[in-house]
Amino acid sequence: MLPTDTAGASTEDMSERPALLLVHGAWHGSWCWNPLRTLLEANGWRVDTVDLPSVAPASAPRHGMHDDAQAIRDAVHGPTVVVAHSYGGIPATQAAMPEVQHLIYVAAFLPDLGDSLLTMVGGTAPPWWRTEEDVIHALTPETVFFNDVDDPPTDRLLPQSRKAFTDELTEAAWHDTPSTYVICEKDNAIPPFAQEAMAGRATTTERLDAGHSPFLSCPQELAAIIENAVSLPRRPFPSSG
């Protein structure tokens, strides 16, 4: 396993490391990755984030899952490992690109062709969703998302476009790209049994004794898992010749 302390000294040639692209889930923004990003950057990784356009204030235009997938593609510049959380696993799977060498699903939806988030939750909204015209709000996020987080950032959550939850997958990157699934065993948003089922599609599986937001509750442990996954065999980067 690559080191995960703040000394940041891996013997791996830095020029050979892929970038890490962190993709947030529904209602969140790139801000949620800050503690994890700080740790990874201290260990010498180049870390990029993306803000998915389907998460926006109520007055903003509404975007769907395919818009989110395009935002992910636009954020990839060379060899990259994509780390996706929750809903973010769906556009990350749609955004199939040869530059993506490994996919890491953190308590995330891992869909197949034709799936949407709505179909993956059984076609019926969970009781903690509140639909209001073309947006969905998350009720009780302090217990659903942040049950093991001190000072949960509930005030930073924004409305989620309903279209993002109904758009269907036309690409499935994990068919051709190595992947790791991180099961969060205290998750109140995506039940662990559902994560177990989706993890069967991944190349390897890891586990955390954490709720839905390990990037906030246990960023050091999540950083170690990510660094270990990146050390596994990766999809070759396409040569320019």
C-alpha atoms as a PDB file:
ATOM      1  CA  MET A   1       0.000   0.000   0.000  1.00  0.00           C
ATOM      2  CA  LEU A   2       1.244   3.500  -0.749  1.00  0.00           C
ATOM      3  CA  PRO A   3       1.906   5.643   2.323  1.00  0.00           C
ATOM      4  CA  THR A   4      -0.953   7.718   3.645  1.00  0.00           C
ATOM      5  CA  ASP A   5       0.787   9.962   6.161  1.00  0.00           C
ATOM      6  CA  THR A   6       1.397  13.619   5.479  1.00  0.00           C
ATOM      7  CA  ALA A   7       5.068  13.054   4.676  1.00  0.00           C
ATOM      8  CA  GLY A   8       3.804  12.439   1.169  1.00  0.00           C
ATOM      9  CA  ALA A   9       6.856  10.512   0.004  1.00  0.00           C
ATOM     10  CA  SER A  10       6.006   7.647  -2.314  1.00  0.00           C
ATOM     11  CA  THR A  11       8.814   5.998  -4.234  1.00  0.00           C
ATOM     12  CA  GLU A  12       6.581   5.915  -7.307  1.00  0.00           C
ATOM     13  CA  ASP A  13       7.687   8.309 -10.036  1.00  0.00           C
ATOM     14  CA  MET A  14       5.312  11.245  -9.661  1.00  0.00           C
ATOM     15  CA  SER A  15       5.171  11.703 -13.434  1.00  0.00           C
ATOM     16  CA  GLU A  16       3.653   8.222 -13.765  1.00  0.00           C
ATOM     17  CA  ARG A  17       0.848   8.791 -11.279  1.00  0.00           C
ATOM     18  CA  PRO A  18      -2.628   9.352 -12.676  1.00  0.00           C
ATOM     19  CA  ALA A  19      -4.653  12.310 -11.503  1.00  0.00           C
ATOM     20  CA  LEU A  20      -7.496  11.679  -9.072  1.00  0.00           C
ATOM     21  CA  LEU A  21     -10.872  13.137 -10.070  1.00  0.00           C
ATOM     22  CA  LEU A  22     -13.380  13.305  -7.207  1.00  0.00           C
ATOM     23  CA  VAL A  23     -17.050  13.267  -8.243  1.00  0.00           C
ATOM     24  CA  HIS A  24     -19.631  14.210  -5.604  1.00  0.00           C
ATOM     25  CA  GLY A  25     -23.135  12.842  -5.252  1.00  0.00           C
ATOM     26  CA  ALA A  26     -26.606  14.357  -5.321  1.00  0.00           C
ATOM     27  CA  TRP A  27     -27.328  17.535  -3.350  1.00  0.00           C
ATOM     28  CA  HIS A  28     -23.598  17.972  -2.628  1.00  0.00           C
ATOM     29  CA  GLY A  29     -20.821  19.959  -4.289  1.00  0.00           C
ATOM     30  CA  SER A  30     -17.072  19.640  -4.667  1.00  0.00           C
ATOM     31  CA  TRP A  31     -16.725  21.214  -1.199  1.00  0.00           C
ATOM     32  CA  CYS A  32     -17.548  17.856   0.405  1.00  0.00           C
ATOM     33  CA  TRP A  33     -14.194  16.435  -0.692  1.00  0.00           C
ATOM     34  CA  ASN A  34     -12.051  19.095   1.013  1.00  0.00           C
ATOM     35  CA  PRO A  35     -10.770  17.008   3.976  1.00  0.00           C
ATOM     36  CA  LEU A  36      -9.950  14.045   1.721  1.00  0.00           C
ATOM     37  CA  ARG A  37      -8.432  16.255  -0.959  1.00  0.00           C
ATOM     38  CA  THR A  38      -6.110  17.863   1.581  1.00  0.00           C
ATOM     39  CA  LEU A  39      -4.815  14.452   2.678  1.00  0.00           C
ATOM     40  CA  LEU A  40      -4.293  13.166  -0.857  1.00  0.00           C
ATOM     41  CA  GLU A  41      -2.533  16.318  -2.009  1.00  0.00           C
ATOM     42  CA  ALA A  42      -0.252  16.158   1.040  1.00  0.00           C
ATOM     43  CA  ASN A  43       0.716  12.680  -0.141  1.00  0.00           C
ATOM     44  CA  GLY A  44       1.707  14.046  -3.523  1.00  0.00           C
ATOM     45  CA  TRP A  45      -1.369  13.340  -5.631  1.00  0.00           C
ATOM     46  CA  ARG A  46      -2.812  15.708  -8.173  1.00  0.00           C
ATOM     47  CA  VAL A  47      -6.464  15.969  -7.200  1.00  0.00           C
ATOM     48  CA  ASP A  48      -9.213  17.508  -9.302  1.00  0.00           C
ATOM     49  CA  THR A  49     -12.891  17.930  -8.500  1.00  0.00           C
ATOM     50  CA  VAL A  50     -15.994  18.700 -10.511  1.00  0.00           C
ATOM     51  CA  ASP A  51     -19.272  20.417  -9.633  1.00  0.00           C
ATOM     52  CA  LEU A  52     -22.109  18.524 -11.281  1.00  0.00           C
ATOM     53  CA  PRO A  53     -24.585  20.872 -12.997  1.00  0.00           C
ATOM     54  CA  SER A  54     -27.611  18.846 -11.853  1.00  0.00           C
ATOM     55  CA  VAL A  55     -27.029  20.207  -8.329  1.00  0.00           C
ATOM     56  CA  ALA A  56     -27.988  23.879  -8.301  1.00  0.00           C
ATOM     57  CA  PRO A  57     -30.075  26.508  -6.508  1.00  0.00           C
ATOM     58  CA  ALA A  58     -33.821  26.341  -7.067  1.00  0.00           C
ATOM     59  CA  SER A  59     -33.725  29.301  -9.469  1.00  0.00           C
ATOM     60  CA  ALA A  60     -31.082  27.752 -11.764  1.00  0.00           C
ATOM     61  CA  PRO A  61     -31.717  25.882 -15.037  1.00  0.00           C
ATOM     62  CA  ARG A  62     -32.173  22.142 -14.615  1.00  0.00           C
ATOM     63  CA  HIS A  63     -29.648  19.661 -15.997  1.00  0.00           C
ATOM     64  CA  GLY A  64     -29.716  15.887 -16.281  1.00  0.00           C
ATOM     65  CA  MET A  65     -27.383  12.954 -15.778  1.00  0.00           C
ATOM     66  CA  HIS A  66     -25.925  13.230 -19.269  1.00  0.00           C
ATOM     67  CA  ASP A  67     -24.950  16.843 -18.552  1.00  0.00           C
ATOM     68  CA  ASP A  68     -23.191  15.610 -15.423  1.00  0.00           C
ATOM     69  CA  ALA A  69     -21.376  12.945 -17.440  1.00  0.00           C
ATOM     70  CA  GLN A  70     -20.168  15.597 -19.863  1.00  0.00           C
ATOM     71  CA  ALA A  71     -18.905  17.717 -16.965  1.00  0.00           C
ATOM     72  CA  ILE A  72     -16.875  14.715 -15.814  1.00  0.00           C
ATOM     73  CA  ARG A  73     -15.447  14.172 -19.297  1.00  0.00           C
ATOM     74  CA  ASP A  74     -14.495  17.839 -19.473  1.00  0.00           C
ATOM     75  CA  ALA A  75     -12.559  17.491 -16.194  1.00  0.00           C
ATOM     76  CA  VAL A  76     -10.397  14.584 -17.406  1.00  0.00           C
ATOM     77  CA  HIS A  77      -7.011  15.647 -18.759  1.00  0.00           C
ATOM     78  CA  GLY A  78      -4.750  12.653 -19.256  1.00  0.00           C
ATOM     79  CA  PRO A  79      -4.506   9.448 -17.190  1.00  0.00           C
ATOM     80  CA  THR A  80      -7.099   9.644 -14.409  1.00  0.00           C
ATOM     81  CA  VAL A  81      -8.622   7.576 -11.625  1.00  0.00           C
ATOM     82  CA  VAL A  82     -12.228   8.627 -10.992  1.00  0.00           C
ATOM     83  CA  VAL A  83     -13.551   8.448  -7.420  1.00  0.00           C
ATOM     84  CA  ALA A  84     -17.351   8.728  -7.394  1.00  0.00           C
ATOM     85  CA  HIS A  85     -19.717   9.003  -4.445  1.00  0.00           C
ATOM     86  CA  SER A  86     -23.388   7.990  -4.307  1.00  0.00           C
ATOM     87  CA  TYR A  87     -25.343   9.351  -7.321  1.00  0.00           C
ATOM     88  CA  GLY A  88     -21.981  10.411  -8.797  1.00  0.00           C
ATOM     89  CA  GLY A  89     -21.368   6.783  -9.690  1.00  0.00           C
ATOM     90  CA  ILE A  90     -24.030   7.016 -12.396  1.00  0.00           C
ATOM     91  CA  PRO A  91     -22.589   9.879 -14.498  1.00  0.00           C
ATOM     92  CA  ALA A  92     -19.078   8.551 -13.783  1.00  0.00           C
ATOM     93  CA  THR A  93     -20.153   5.239 -15.329  1.00  0.00           C
ATOM     94  CA  GLN A  94     -21.769   7.043 -18.267  1.00  0.00           C
ATOM     95  CA  ALA A  95     -18.628   9.127 -18.879  1.00  0.00           C
ATOM     96  CA  ALA A  96     -16.706   6.232 -20.418  1.00  0.00           C
ATOM     97  CA  MET A  97     -13.284   7.441 -21.578  1.00  0.00           C
ATOM     98  CA  PRO A  98     -10.038   5.617 -22.435  1.00  0.00           C
ATOM     99  CA  GLU A  99      -8.140   8.077 -20.224  1.00  0.00           C
ATOM    100  CA  VAL A 100      -9.914   6.752 -17.119  1.00  0.00           C
ATOM    101  CA  GLN A 101      -7.720   3.949 -15.798  1.00  0.00           C
ATOM    102  CA  HIS A 102      -9.671   2.933 -12.683  1.00  0.00           C
ATOM    103  CA  LEU A 103     -13.092   3.680 -11.198  1.00  0.00           C
ATOM    104  CA  ILE A 104     -13.615   3.838  -7.433  1.00  0.00           C
ATOM    105  CA  TYR A 105     -17.241   3.754  -6.269  1.00  0.00           C
ATOM    106  CA  VAL A 106     -17.654   5.054  -2.702  1.00  0.00           C
ATOM    107  CA  ALA A 107     -21.079   4.027  -1.372  1.00  0.00           C
ATOM    108  CA  ALA A 108     -22.133   4.732  -4.945  1.00  0.00           C
ATOM    109  CA  PHE A 109     -24.633   3.550  -7.494  1.00  0.00           C
ATOM    110  CA  LEU A 110     -22.928   1.192  -9.946  1.00  0.00           C
ATOM    111  CA  PRO A 111     -25.397   0.965 -12.833  1.00  0.00           C
ATOM    112  CA  ASP A 112     -25.581  -1.024 -16.045  1.00  0.00           C
ATOM    113  CA  LEU A 113     -26.911  -0.091 -19.465  1.00  0.00           C
ATOM    114  CA  GLY A 114     -30.499   1.155 -19.360  1.00  0.00           C
ATOM    115  CA  ASP A 115     -30.445   1.860 -15.635  1.00  0.00           C
ATOM    116  CA  SER A 116     -31.359   5.161 -14.018  1.00  0.00           C
ATOM    117  CA  LEU A 117     -31.112   6.101 -10.375  1.00  0.00           C
ATOM    118  CA  LEU A 118     -34.888   5.847 -10.072  1.00  0.00           C
ATOM    119  CA  THR A 119     -34.969   2.308 -11.453  1.00  0.00           C
ATOM    120  CA  MET A 120     -32.084   1.348  -9.176  1.00  0.00           C
ATOM    121  CA  VAL A 121     -34.087   2.341  -6.086  1.00  0.00           C
ATOM    122  CA  GLY A 122     -37.028   0.233  -7.265  1.00  0.00           C
ATOM    123  CA  GLY A 123     -38.941   2.910  -9.170  1.00  0.00           C
ATOM    124  CA  THR A 124     -40.325   4.540  -6.022  1.00  0.00           C
ATOM    125  CA  ALA A 125     -38.882   7.533  -4.201  1.00  0.00           C
ATOM    126  CA  PRO A 126     -37.518   6.789  -0.715  1.00  0.00           C
ATOM    127  CA  PRO A 127     -39.414   8.478   2.141  1.00  0.00           C
ATOM    128  CA  TRP A 128     -36.607  10.984   2.674  1.00  0.00           C
ATOM    129  CA  TRP A 129     -37.021  12.499  -0.812  1.00  0.00           C
ATOM    130  CA  ARG A 130     -39.354  15.449  -1.309  1.00  0.00           C
ATOM    131  CA  THR A 131     -40.183  16.163  -4.949  1.00  0.00           C
ATOM    132  CA  GLU A 132     -41.136  19.711  -5.869  1.00  0.00           C
ATOM    133  CA  GLU A 133     -41.837  20.124  -9.592  1.00  0.00           C
ATOM    134  CA  ASP A 134     -38.504  19.462 -11.331  1.00  0.00           C
ATOM    135  CA  VAL A 135     -36.279  19.228  -8.245  1.00  0.00           C
ATOM    136  CA  ILE A 136     -35.848  16.800  -5.374  1.00  0.00           C
ATOM    137  CA  HIS A 137     -34.914  17.813  -1.845  1.00  0.00           C
ATOM    138  CA  ALA A 138     -33.278  15.558   0.738  1.00  0.00           C
ATOM    139  CA  LEU A 139     -35.126  15.385   4.048  1.00  0.00           C
ATOM    140  CA  THR A 140     -33.317  14.590   7.326  1.00  0.00           C
ATOM    141  CA  PRO A 141     -29.816  14.686   5.785  1.00  0.00           C
ATOM    142  CA  GLU A 142     -28.274  14.739   9.247  1.00  0.00           C
ATOM    143  CA  THR A 143     -29.377  11.138   9.754  1.00  0.00           C
ATOM    144  CA  VAL A 144     -29.377   9.907   6.149  1.00  0.00           C
ATOM    145  CA  PHE A 145     -26.030  11.338   4.979  1.00  0.00           C
ATOM    146  CA  PHE A 146     -24.182  12.469   8.087  1.00  0.00           C
ATOM    147  CA  ASN A 147     -25.091  10.006  10.856  1.00  0.00           C
ATOM    148  CA  ASP A 148     -21.435   9.678  11.929  1.00  0.00           C
ATOM    149  CA  VAL A 149     -20.230  13.194  11.036  1.00  0.00           C
ATOM    150  CA  ASP A 150     -19.506  15.827  13.669  1.00  0.00           C
ATOM    151  CA  ASP A 151     -21.040  19.199  12.753  1.00  0.00           C
ATOM    152  CA  PRO A 152     -22.893  17.937   9.637  1.00  0.00           C
ATOM    153  CA  PRO A 153     -22.883  20.490   6.770  1.00  0.00           C
ATOM    154  CA  THR A 154     -26.616  20.302   6.059  1.00  0.00           C
ATOM    155  CA  ASP A 155     -26.791  24.009   5.200  1.00  0.00           C
ATOM    156  CA  ARG A 156     -24.556  23.475   2.153  1.00  0.00           C
ATOM    157  CA  LEU A 157     -26.872  21.049   0.371  1.00  0.00           C
ATOM    158  CA  LEU A 158     -28.696  22.262  -2.750  1.00  0.00           C
ATOM    159  CA  PRO A 159     -31.724  21.026  -4.719  1.00  0.00           C
ATOM    160  CA  GLN A 160     -31.156  18.100  -7.060  1.00  0.00           C
ATOM    161  CA  SER A 161     -32.553  17.983 -10.584  1.00  0.00           C
ATOM    162  CA  ARG A 162     -35.197  15.266 -10.916  1.00  0.00           C
ATOM    163  CA  LYS A 163     -34.122  14.651 -14.519  1.00  0.00           C
ATOM    164  CA  ALA A 164     -30.731  13.452 -13.283  1.00  0.00           C
ATOM    165  CA  PHE A 165     -32.516  10.621 -11.475  1.00  0.00           C
ATOM    166  CA  THR A 166     -34.570   9.503 -14.497  1.00  0.00           C
ATOM    167  CA  ASP A 167     -32.008   9.713 -17.324  1.00  0.00           C
ATOM    168  CA  GLU A 168     -30.928   6.238 -18.445  1.00  0.00           C
ATOM    169  CA  LEU A 169     -27.422   4.921 -18.978  1.00  0.00           C
ATOM    170  CA  THR A 170     -26.160   4.426 -22.537  1.00  0.00           C
ATOM    171  CA  GLU A 171     -22.542   3.620 -21.597  1.00  0.00           C
ATOM    172  CA  ALA A 172     -21.144   1.430 -18.823  1.00  0.00           C
ATOM    173  CA  ALA A 173     -17.482   2.217 -18.225  1.00  0.00           C
ATOM    174  CA  TRP A 174     -16.934  -0.600 -15.721  1.00  0.00           C
ATOM    175  CA  HIS A 175     -17.376  -3.163 -18.508  1.00  0.00           C
ATOM    176  CA  ASP A 176     -13.913  -2.183 -19.782  1.00  0.00           C
ATOM    177  CA  THR A 177     -12.262  -0.355 -16.874  1.00  0.00           C
ATOM    178  CA  PRO A 178     -10.990  -1.895 -13.599  1.00  0.00           C
ATOM    179  CA  SER A 179     -13.053  -0.799 -10.627  1.00  0.00           C
ATOM    180  CA  THR A 180     -13.150  -0.847  -6.834  1.00  0.00           C
ATOM    181  CA  TYR A 181     -16.310  -0.639  -4.740  1.00  0.00           C
ATOM    182  CA  VAL A 182     -16.111   0.784  -1.206  1.00  0.00           C
ATOM    183  CA  ILE A 183     -18.995  -0.496   0.928  1.00  0.00           C
ATOM    184  CA  CYS A 184     -19.946   1.784   3.827  1.00  0.00           C
ATOM    185  CA  GLU A 185     -21.404  -0.498   6.464  1.00  0.00           C
ATOM    186  CA  LYS A 186     -23.302   2.141   8.497  1.00  0.00           C
ATOM    187  CA  ASP A 187     -24.874   3.856   5.483  1.00  0.00           C
ATOM    188  CA  ASN A 188     -28.441   5.135   5.923  1.00  0.00           C
ATOM    189  CA  ALA A 189     -28.786   6.415   2.334  1.00  0.00           C
ATOM    190  CA  ILE A 190     -27.849   3.338   0.294  1.00  0.00           C
ATOM    191  CA  PRO A 191     -28.392   0.247   2.463  1.00  0.00           C
ATOM    192  CA  PRO A 192     -25.290  -1.936   2.802  1.00  0.00           C
ATOM    193  CA  PHE A 193     -27.147  -4.926   1.301  1.00  0.00           C
ATOM    194  CA  ALA A 194     -27.747  -2.866  -1.861  1.00  0.00           C
ATOM    195  CA  GLN A 195     -24.095  -1.853  -1.938  1.00  0.00           C
ATOM    196  CA  GLU A 196     -23.112  -5.518  -1.590  1.00  0.00           C
ATOM    197  CA  ALA A 197     -25.187  -6.384  -4.659  1.00  0.00           C
ATOM    198  CA  MET A 198     -23.678  -3.596  -6.763  1.00  0.00           C
ATOM    199  CA  ALA A 199     -20.159  -4.396  -5.552  1.00  0.00           C
ATOM    200  CA  GLY A 200     -20.475  -7.724  -7.345  1.00  0.00           C
ATOM    201  CA  ARG A 201     -19.929  -5.819 -10.587  1.00  0.00           C
ATOM    202  CA  ALA A 202     -16.630  -4.306  -9.421  1.00  0.00           C
ATOM    203  CA  THR A 203     -13.185  -5.819  -9.827  1.00  0.00           C
ATOM    204  CA  THR A 204     -12.358  -5.505  -6.116  1.00  0.00           C
ATOM    205  CA  THR A 205     -14.269  -4.591  -2.956  1.00  0.00           C
ATOM    206  CA  GLU A 206     -13.245  -2.673   0.172  1.00  0.00           C
ATOM    207  CA  ARG A 207     -15.192  -1.880   3.349  1.00  0.00           C
ATOM    208  CA  LEU A 208     -15.419   1.004   5.768  1.00  0.00           C
ATOM    209  CA  ASP A 209     -17.111   1.074   9.161  1.00  0.00           C
ATOM    210  CA  ALA A 210     -18.742   4.356   8.199  1.00  0.00           C
ATOM    211  CA  GLY A 211     -21.938   6.091   7.197  1.00  0.00           C
ATOM    212  CA  HIS A 212     -22.685   7.584   3.800  1.00  0.00           C
ATOM    213  CA  SER A 213     -20.027  10.324   3.977  1.00  0.00           C
ATOM    214  CA  PRO A 214     -16.632   8.743   4.754  1.00  0.00           C
ATOM    215  CA  PHE A 215     -14.847  11.678   3.114  1.00  0.00           C
ATOM    216  CA  LEU A 216     -16.017  13.673   6.154  1.00  0.00           C
ATOM    217  CA  SER A 217     -16.189  11.047   8.914  1.00  0.00           C
ATOM    218  CA  CYS A 218     -13.015   9.047   8.187  1.00  0.00           C
ATOM    219  CA  PRO A 219     -11.014  10.719   5.399  1.00  0.00           C
ATOM    220  CA  GLN A 220      -7.727   9.075   6.401  1.00  0.00           C
ATOM    221  CA  GLU A 221      -9.175   5.587   6.047  1.00  0.00           C
ATOM    222  CA  LEU A 222     -10.767   6.464   2.711  1.00  0.00           C
ATOM    223  CA  ALA A 223      -7.498   7.983   1.468  1.00  0.00           C
ATOM    224  CA  ALA A 224      -5.701   4.726   2.295  1.00  0.00           C
ATOM    225  CA  ILE A 225      -8.257   2.717   0.317  1.00  0.00           C
ATOM    226  CA  ILE A 226      -7.962   5.051  -2.671  1.00  0.00           C
ATOM    227  CA  GLU A 227      -4.168   4.918  -2.657  1.00  0.00           C
ATOM    228  CA  ASN A 228      -4.242   1.139  -2.422  1.00  0.00           C
ATOM    229  CA  ALA A 229      -6.732   0.907  -5.301  1.00  0.00           C
ATOM    230  CA  VAL A 230      -4.595   3.162  -7.480  1.00  0.00           C
ATOM    231  CA  SER A 231      -1.653   0.808  -6.922  1.00  0.00           C
ATOM    232  CA  LEU A 232      -3.655  -2.065  -8.468  1.00  0.00           C
ATOM    233  CA  PRO A 233      -3.386  -2.857 -12.194  1.00  0.00           C
ATOM    234  CA  ARG A 234      -4.846  -0.023 -14.231  1.00  0.00           C
ATOM    235  CA  ARG A 235      -6.212   0.283 -17.716  1.00  0.00           C
ATOM    236  CA  PRO A 236      -3.315   1.268 -20.017  1.00  0.00           C
ATOM    237  CA  PHE A 237      -3.346   4.881 -21.117  1.00  0.00           C
ATOM    238  CA  PRO A 238      -3.823   5.059 -24.901  1.00  0.00           C
ATOM    239  CA  SER A 239      -0.627   5.969 -26.705  1.00  0.00           C
ATOM    240  CA  SER A 240      -0.574   9.014 -28.939  1.00  0.00           C
ATOM    241  CA  GLY A 241       1.161   7.032 -31.656  1.00  0.00           C
END
